[in-house]
Amino acid sequence: CQDLAEDFRSQEIDGQALLLLKEEHLMSALNIKLGPALKICAKINLLKET
């Protein structure tokens, strides 16, 4: 998790950018595997609903 947090920082992903992320972005720009990318996007979608 800490490695991912550093990747998010280095890519300058802030709150607004986080809400725009798609699975493709996570997999291509951050080299995250499909399963974790889907889980991250599911959590982001929950944030959007609240």
C-alpha atoms as a PDB file:
ATOM      1  CA  CYS A   1       0.000   0.000   0.000  1.00  0.00           C
ATOM      2  CA  GLN A   2       2.782   2.421   0.840  1.00  0.00           C
ATOM      3  CA  ASP A   3       4.339   1.897  -2.596  1.00  0.00           C
ATOM      4  CA  LEU A   4       1.007   2.727  -4.221  1.00  0.00           C
ATOM      5  CA  ALA A   5       0.676   5.873  -2.135  1.00  0.00           C
ATOM      6  CA  GLU A   6       4.086   7.035  -3.335  1.00  0.00           C
ATOM      7  CA  ASP A   7       3.088   6.304  -6.941  1.00  0.00           C
ATOM      8  CA  PHE A   8      -0.058   8.386  -6.488  1.00  0.00           C
ATOM      9  CA  ARG A   9       2.042  11.253  -5.112  1.00  0.00           C
ATOM     10  CA  SER A  10       4.613  11.053  -7.892  1.00  0.00           C
ATOM     11  CA  GLN A  11       1.818  11.127 -10.496  1.00  0.00           C
ATOM     12  CA  GLU A  12       0.314  14.154  -8.665  1.00  0.00           C
ATOM     13  CA  ILE A  13      -3.036  12.421  -8.148  1.00  0.00           C
ATOM     14  CA  ASP A  14      -4.994  14.628  -5.777  1.00  0.00           C
ATOM     15  CA  GLY A  15      -8.613  14.393  -4.653  1.00  0.00           C
ATOM     16  CA  GLN A  16     -10.102  15.684  -7.901  1.00  0.00           C
ATOM     17  CA  ALA A  17      -7.864  13.494 -10.055  1.00  0.00           C
ATOM     18  CA  LEU A  18      -8.631  10.489  -7.865  1.00  0.00           C
ATOM     19  CA  LEU A  19     -12.330  10.800  -8.666  1.00  0.00           C
ATOM     20  CA  LEU A  20     -11.552  10.758 -12.402  1.00  0.00           C
ATOM     21  CA  LEU A  21      -9.394   7.623 -12.355  1.00  0.00           C
ATOM     22  CA  LYS A  22     -10.443   4.599 -14.379  1.00  0.00           C
ATOM     23  CA  GLU A  23      -9.090   1.058 -14.313  1.00  0.00           C
ATOM     24  CA  GLU A  24      -7.128   1.754 -17.495  1.00  0.00           C
ATOM     25  CA  HIS A  25      -5.280   4.657 -15.864  1.00  0.00           C
ATOM     26  CA  LEU A  26      -4.288   2.581 -12.867  1.00  0.00           C
ATOM     27  CA  MET A  27      -3.090  -0.306 -14.994  1.00  0.00           C
ATOM     28  CA  SER A  28      -1.173   1.743 -17.567  1.00  0.00           C
ATOM     29  CA  ALA A  29       0.248   4.706 -15.641  1.00  0.00           C
ATOM     30  CA  LEU A  30       0.765   2.992 -12.291  1.00  0.00           C
ATOM     31  CA  ASN A  31       1.324  -0.594 -13.480  1.00  0.00           C
ATOM     32  CA  ILE A  32      -1.321  -1.944 -11.110  1.00  0.00           C
ATOM     33  CA  LYS A  33      -2.746  -5.376 -11.907  1.00  0.00           C
ATOM     34  CA  LEU A  34      -6.392  -5.658 -12.950  1.00  0.00           C
ATOM     35  CA  GLY A  35      -7.727  -7.089  -9.663  1.00  0.00           C
ATOM     36  CA  PRO A  36      -6.337  -4.363  -7.402  1.00  0.00           C
ATOM     37  CA  ALA A  37      -7.260  -1.707  -9.994  1.00  0.00           C
ATOM     38  CA  LEU A  38     -10.879  -2.885  -9.936  1.00  0.00           C
ATOM     39  CA  LYS A  39     -10.934  -2.823  -6.132  1.00  0.00           C
ATOM     40  CA  ILE A  40      -9.515   0.715  -6.043  1.00  0.00           C
ATOM     41  CA  CYS A  41     -12.086   1.888  -8.598  1.00  0.00           C
ATOM     42  CA  ALA A  42     -14.891   0.262  -6.610  1.00  0.00           C
ATOM     43  CA  LYS A  43     -13.825   2.238  -3.526  1.00  0.00           C
ATOM     44  CA  ILE A  44     -13.596   5.426  -5.598  1.00  0.00           C
ATOM     45  CA  ASN A  45     -17.132   4.811  -6.869  1.00  0.00           C
ATOM     46  CA  LEU A  46     -18.332   4.461  -3.271  1.00  0.00           C
ATOM     47  CA  LEU A  47     -16.764   7.836  -2.489  1.00  0.00           C
ATOM     48  CA  LYS A  48     -18.565   9.391  -5.445  1.00  0.00           C
ATOM     49  CA  GLU A  49     -21.919   8.137  -4.131  1.00  0.00           C
ATOM     50  CA  THR A  50     -21.519   9.755  -0.714  1.00  0.00           C
END
